[in-house]
Amino acid sequence: MVLSSANKTFNMPGVQGGFAIVPNPDLRERFYGFLDGCYLAETNTLQQAAMVTAFLACREWHAQLKEYLAKNIEYVQQQMKLRCPKITTVYGGASYLLLLDATNLGLEPEQIKAFFIKKARLGLSPGSQYGPGCEYYMRLNVGCPRSMLVEAMDRLAKAYRELSHR
């Protein structure tokens, strides 16, 4: 079974539609029976048109988006190596999110959170929300204009320099 939607990739959260590919007929019948029972199997014309258009007519835009995001990821990785070498990046390879590993800063998890959010003034998500073992990480979304990343890296580098000079 494959569950997916165009919502994240094509920035269409208001469409609130998705699709399922369920090759097994018995599983498909049970799955759609469950959705019908919860009134979740209904779509509307706007949802259908938006998803069909996204997947069939936006291939070039999607390719450009992936290239732009890859360059943003590369930019952040380079900036960390050059300006904040004790902070490393972890990239899973399939999204626009990077984890910044701050283990080597010598700070406790709450201090790391304060460093990124209060000192560097970045709206990052703490890794602790993903469970044990992620307390020293912060999640960075690179799905934004490069100018925002440049500003974010400048803020982070400034906070890093100040931390290093203590």
C-alpha atoms as a PDB file:
ATOM      1  CA  MET A   1       0.000   0.000   0.000  1.00  0.00           C
ATOM      2  CA  VAL A   2       1.250   3.458  -0.913  1.00  0.00           C
ATOM      3  CA  LEU A   3      -0.285   6.582   0.617  1.00  0.00           C
ATOM      4  CA  SER A   4       0.681   9.956  -0.784  1.00  0.00           C
ATOM      5  CA  SER A   5      -0.469  13.434  -1.728  1.00  0.00           C
ATOM      6  CA  ALA A   6       0.711  16.452  -3.641  1.00  0.00           C
ATOM      7  CA  ASN A   7       0.260  18.738  -0.635  1.00  0.00           C
ATOM      8  CA  LYS A   8       3.859  19.143   0.602  1.00  0.00           C
ATOM      9  CA  THR A   9       5.702  18.944  -2.693  1.00  0.00           C
ATOM     10  CA  PHE A  10       3.431  21.381  -4.479  1.00  0.00           C
ATOM     11  CA  ASN A  11       2.620  23.536  -1.423  1.00  0.00           C
ATOM     12  CA  MET A  12      -1.119  22.840  -1.526  1.00  0.00           C
ATOM     13  CA  PRO A  13      -2.082  22.210   2.120  1.00  0.00           C
ATOM     14  CA  GLY A  14      -5.537  23.685   1.603  1.00  0.00           C
ATOM     15  CA  VAL A  15      -6.376  20.984  -0.925  1.00  0.00           C
ATOM     16  CA  GLN A  16      -6.363  18.368   1.848  1.00  0.00           C
ATOM     17  CA  GLY A  17      -6.424  15.465  -0.544  1.00  0.00           C
ATOM     18  CA  GLY A  18      -4.368  12.376  -0.992  1.00  0.00           C
ATOM     19  CA  PHE A  19      -4.460   9.052  -2.703  1.00  0.00           C
ATOM     20  CA  ALA A  20      -3.835   5.408  -2.025  1.00  0.00           C
ATOM     21  CA  ILE A  21      -2.453   2.698  -4.269  1.00  0.00           C
ATOM     22  CA  VAL A  22      -3.670  -0.620  -2.908  1.00  0.00           C
ATOM     23  CA  PRO A  23      -2.979  -3.493  -5.347  1.00  0.00           C
ATOM     24  CA  ASN A  24      -4.404  -6.195  -3.063  1.00  0.00           C
ATOM     25  CA  PRO A  25      -8.188  -6.289  -3.668  1.00  0.00           C
ATOM     26  CA  ASP A  26      -9.057  -7.546  -0.178  1.00  0.00           C
ATOM     27  CA  LEU A  27      -6.896  -4.950   1.553  1.00  0.00           C
ATOM     28  CA  ARG A  28      -8.216  -2.240  -0.799  1.00  0.00           C
ATOM     29  CA  GLU A  29     -11.826  -3.124   0.066  1.00  0.00           C
ATOM     30  CA  ARG A  30     -11.095  -3.052   3.821  1.00  0.00           C
ATOM     31  CA  PHE A  31      -9.120   0.194   3.532  1.00  0.00           C
ATOM     32  CA  TYR A  32     -11.769   2.062   1.552  1.00  0.00           C
ATOM     33  CA  GLY A  33     -14.478   0.579   3.755  1.00  0.00           C
ATOM     34  CA  PHE A  34     -12.720   2.122   6.755  1.00  0.00           C
ATOM     35  CA  LEU A  35     -12.367   5.490   4.993  1.00  0.00           C
ATOM     36  CA  ASP A  36     -16.022   5.445   3.950  1.00  0.00           C
ATOM     37  CA  GLY A  37     -17.033   4.711   7.555  1.00  0.00           C
ATOM     38  CA  CYS A  38     -15.136   7.811   8.687  1.00  0.00           C
ATOM     39  CA  TYR A  39     -16.376   9.963   5.773  1.00  0.00           C
ATOM     40  CA  LEU A  40     -12.793  10.346   4.570  1.00  0.00           C
ATOM     41  CA  ALA A  41     -13.060   8.787   1.101  1.00  0.00           C
ATOM     42  CA  GLU A  42     -14.836  11.702  -0.514  1.00  0.00           C
ATOM     43  CA  THR A  43     -13.072  14.151  -2.782  1.00  0.00           C
ATOM     44  CA  ASN A  44     -14.203  17.203  -4.646  1.00  0.00           C
ATOM     45  CA  THR A  45     -13.535  18.569  -8.105  1.00  0.00           C
ATOM     46  CA  LEU A  46     -10.981  21.109  -6.853  1.00  0.00           C
ATOM     47  CA  GLN A  47      -8.943  18.410  -5.077  1.00  0.00           C
ATOM     48  CA  GLN A  48      -8.987  16.177  -8.125  1.00  0.00           C
ATOM     49  CA  ALA A  49      -8.059  18.970 -10.542  1.00  0.00           C
ATOM     50  CA  ALA A  50      -5.265  20.247  -8.294  1.00  0.00           C
ATOM     51  CA  MET A  51      -3.662  16.821  -7.863  1.00  0.00           C
ATOM     52  CA  VAL A  52      -3.946  15.866 -11.535  1.00  0.00           C
ATOM     53  CA  THR A  53      -2.478  19.226 -12.567  1.00  0.00           C
ATOM     54  CA  ALA A  54       0.361  18.983 -10.048  1.00  0.00           C
ATOM     55  CA  PHE A  55       1.430  15.523 -11.119  1.00  0.00           C
ATOM     56  CA  LEU A  56       0.887  15.868 -14.861  1.00  0.00           C
ATOM     57  CA  ALA A  57       1.637  19.506 -15.690  1.00  0.00           C
ATOM     58  CA  CYS A  58       4.254  20.586 -13.137  1.00  0.00           C
ATOM     59  CA  ARG A  59       7.126  18.215 -13.858  1.00  0.00           C
ATOM     60  CA  GLU A  60       9.526  21.002 -14.892  1.00  0.00           C
ATOM     61  CA  TRP A  61       8.629  23.104 -11.837  1.00  0.00           C
ATOM     62  CA  HIS A  62       9.199  20.071  -9.597  1.00  0.00           C
ATOM     63  CA  ALA A  63      12.616  19.413 -11.169  1.00  0.00           C
ATOM     64  CA  GLN A  64      13.570  23.059 -10.613  1.00  0.00           C
ATOM     65  CA  LEU A  65      12.362  22.878  -7.008  1.00  0.00           C
ATOM     66  CA  LYS A  66      14.477  19.794  -6.293  1.00  0.00           C
ATOM     67  CA  GLU A  67      17.540  21.477  -7.803  1.00  0.00           C
ATOM     68  CA  TYR A  68      16.947  24.648  -5.760  1.00  0.00           C
ATOM     69  CA  LEU A  69      16.529  22.673  -2.538  1.00  0.00           C
ATOM     70  CA  ALA A  70      19.669  20.619  -3.261  1.00  0.00           C
ATOM     71  CA  LYS A  71      21.639  23.851  -3.675  1.00  0.00           C
ATOM     72  CA  ASN A  72      20.185  25.197  -0.413  1.00  0.00           C
ATOM     73  CA  ILE A  73      21.257  22.022   1.396  1.00  0.00           C
ATOM     74  CA  GLU A  74      24.736  22.255  -0.112  1.00  0.00           C
ATOM     75  CA  TYR A  75      24.944  25.919   0.920  1.00  0.00           C
ATOM     76  CA  VAL A  76      24.077  25.171   4.558  1.00  0.00           C
ATOM     77  CA  GLN A  77      26.518  22.255   4.663  1.00  0.00           C
ATOM     78  CA  GLN A  78      29.310  24.480   3.333  1.00  0.00           C
ATOM     79  CA  GLN A  79      28.469  27.260   5.771  1.00  0.00           C
ATOM     80  CA  MET A  80      28.582  24.875   8.725  1.00  0.00           C
ATOM     81  CA  LYS A  81      32.007  23.579   7.686  1.00  0.00           C
ATOM     82  CA  LEU A  82      33.408  27.062   7.104  1.00  0.00           C
ATOM     83  CA  ARG A  83      31.811  29.104   9.866  1.00  0.00           C
ATOM     84  CA  CYS A  84      30.526  26.692  12.530  1.00  0.00           C
ATOM     85  CA  PRO A  85      32.750  23.607  12.325  1.00  0.00           C
ATOM     86  CA  LYS A  86      31.557  22.139  15.635  1.00  0.00           C
ATOM     87  CA  ILE A  87      28.028  21.931  14.237  1.00  0.00           C
ATOM     88  CA  THR A  88      27.601  19.178  11.668  1.00  0.00           C
ATOM     89  CA  THR A  89      24.722  18.493   9.321  1.00  0.00           C
ATOM     90  CA  VAL A  90      22.715  15.324   8.883  1.00  0.00           C
ATOM     91  CA  TYR A  91      20.687  14.996   5.712  1.00  0.00           C
ATOM     92  CA  GLY A  92      18.382  12.067   5.085  1.00  0.00           C
ATOM     93  CA  GLY A  93      18.363  12.617   1.328  1.00  0.00           C
ATOM     94  CA  ALA A  94      14.635  12.813   0.701  1.00  0.00           C
ATOM     95  CA  SER A  95      13.325  16.123   1.957  1.00  0.00           C
ATOM     96  CA  TYR A  96      14.032  19.789   2.551  1.00  0.00           C
ATOM     97  CA  LEU A  97      15.003  19.253   6.184  1.00  0.00           C
ATOM     98  CA  LEU A  98      18.472  19.132   7.698  1.00  0.00           C
ATOM     99  CA  LEU A  99      19.385  18.216  11.230  1.00  0.00           C
ATOM    100  CA  LEU A 100      22.092  20.338  12.809  1.00  0.00           C
ATOM    101  CA  ASP A 101      24.098  18.215  15.219  1.00  0.00           C
ATOM    102  CA  ALA A 102      25.355  20.430  18.048  1.00  0.00           C
ATOM    103  CA  THR A 103      26.812  17.622  20.173  1.00  0.00           C
ATOM    104  CA  ASN A 104      30.326  19.070  19.895  1.00  0.00           C
ATOM    105  CA  LEU A 105      29.352  22.479  21.275  1.00  0.00           C
ATOM    106  CA  GLY A 106      29.672  21.111  24.805  1.00  0.00           C
ATOM    107  CA  LEU A 107      26.219  22.360  25.794  1.00  0.00           C
ATOM    108  CA  GLU A 108      23.317  20.581  27.431  1.00  0.00           C
ATOM    109  CA  PRO A 109      20.162  20.056  25.318  1.00  0.00           C
ATOM    110  CA  GLU A 110      18.290  23.031  26.820  1.00  0.00           C
ATOM    111  CA  GLN A 111      21.361  25.221  26.275  1.00  0.00           C
ATOM    112  CA  ILE A 112      21.535  24.088  22.635  1.00  0.00           C
ATOM    113  CA  LYS A 113      17.905  25.003  22.140  1.00  0.00           C
ATOM    114  CA  ALA A 114      18.501  28.426  23.727  1.00  0.00           C
ATOM    115  CA  PHE A 115      21.632  28.936  21.621  1.00  0.00           C
ATOM    116  CA  PHE A 116      19.820  28.412  18.320  1.00  0.00           C
ATOM    117  CA  ILE A 117      16.536  30.065  19.230  1.00  0.00           C
ATOM    118  CA  LYS A 118      17.550  32.911  21.538  1.00  0.00           C
ATOM    119  CA  LYS A 119      21.168  33.674  20.626  1.00  0.00           C
ATOM    120  CA  ALA A 120      21.054  32.979  16.870  1.00  0.00           C
ATOM    121  CA  ARG A 121      17.370  33.990  16.672  1.00  0.00           C
ATOM    122  CA  LEU A 122      16.428  31.062  14.432  1.00  0.00           C
ATOM    123  CA  GLY A 123      13.017  29.415  14.504  1.00  0.00           C
ATOM    124  CA  LEU A 124      14.295  25.850  14.477  1.00  0.00           C
ATOM    125  CA  SER A 125      12.604  22.801  15.925  1.00  0.00           C
ATOM    126  CA  PRO A 126      14.441  20.968  18.707  1.00  0.00           C
ATOM    127  CA  GLY A 127      15.419  17.404  17.915  1.00  0.00           C
ATOM    128  CA  SER A 128      14.102  16.281  21.299  1.00  0.00           C
ATOM    129  CA  GLN A 129      10.587  16.293  19.863  1.00  0.00           C
ATOM    130  CA  TYR A 130      11.636  13.254  17.800  1.00  0.00           C
ATOM    131  CA  GLY A 131      12.514  11.171  20.838  1.00  0.00           C
ATOM    132  CA  PRO A 132      15.499   9.960  22.840  1.00  0.00           C
ATOM    133  CA  GLY A 133      18.861  10.326  21.141  1.00  0.00           C
ATOM    134  CA  CYS A 134      17.931  13.511  19.282  1.00  0.00           C
ATOM    135  CA  GLU A 135      18.396  15.976  22.142  1.00  0.00           C
ATOM    136  CA  TYR A 136      21.544  17.544  20.662  1.00  0.00           C
ATOM    137  CA  TYR A 137      19.979  18.208  17.259  1.00  0.00           C
ATOM    138  CA  MET A 138      17.969  21.048  15.799  1.00  0.00           C
ATOM    139  CA  ARG A 139      15.855  20.751  12.646  1.00  0.00           C
ATOM    140  CA  LEU A 140      16.390  23.305   9.880  1.00  0.00           C
ATOM    141  CA  ASN A 141      13.953  23.723   6.980  1.00  0.00           C
ATOM    142  CA  VAL A 142      15.795  24.749   3.795  1.00  0.00           C
ATOM    143  CA  GLY A 143      12.574  25.043   1.770  1.00  0.00           C
ATOM    144  CA  CYS A 144      12.863  28.812   1.603  1.00  0.00           C
ATOM    145  CA  PRO A 145      14.473  31.543  -0.505  1.00  0.00           C
ATOM    146  CA  ARG A 146      18.279  31.534  -0.418  1.00  0.00           C
ATOM    147  CA  SER A 147      18.249  35.062   1.033  1.00  0.00           C
ATOM    148  CA  MET A 148      16.565  33.695   4.172  1.00  0.00           C
ATOM    149  CA  LEU A 149      19.231  31.000   4.489  1.00  0.00           C
ATOM    150  CA  VAL A 150      22.013  33.548   4.048  1.00  0.00           C
ATOM    151  CA  GLU A 151      20.524  35.612   6.869  1.00  0.00           C
ATOM    152  CA  ALA A 152      20.080  32.508   9.029  1.00  0.00           C
ATOM    153  CA  MET A 153      23.681  31.394   8.475  1.00  0.00           C
ATOM    154  CA  ASP A 154      24.947  34.901   9.274  1.00  0.00           C
ATOM    155  CA  ARG A 155      22.987  34.908  12.533  1.00  0.00           C
ATOM    156  CA  LEU A 156      24.193  31.437  13.409  1.00  0.00           C
ATOM    157  CA  ALA A 157      27.826  32.269  12.615  1.00  0.00           C
ATOM    158  CA  LYS A 158      27.649  35.391  14.789  1.00  0.00           C
ATOM    159  CA  ALA A 159      26.178  33.453  17.730  1.00  0.00           C
ATOM    160  CA  TYR A 160      28.786  30.713  17.185  1.00  0.00           C
ATOM    161  CA  ARG A 161      31.664  33.234  17.297  1.00  0.00           C
ATOM    162  CA  GLU A 162      30.267  34.739  20.494  1.00  0.00           C
ATOM    163  CA  LEU A 163      29.957  31.270  22.050  1.00  0.00           C
ATOM    164  CA  SER A 164      33.527  30.398  21.015  1.00  0.00           C
ATOM    165  CA  HIS A 165      34.924  33.563  22.609  1.00  0.00           C
ATOM    166  CA  ARG A 166      33.502  32.847  26.057  1.00  0.00           C
END
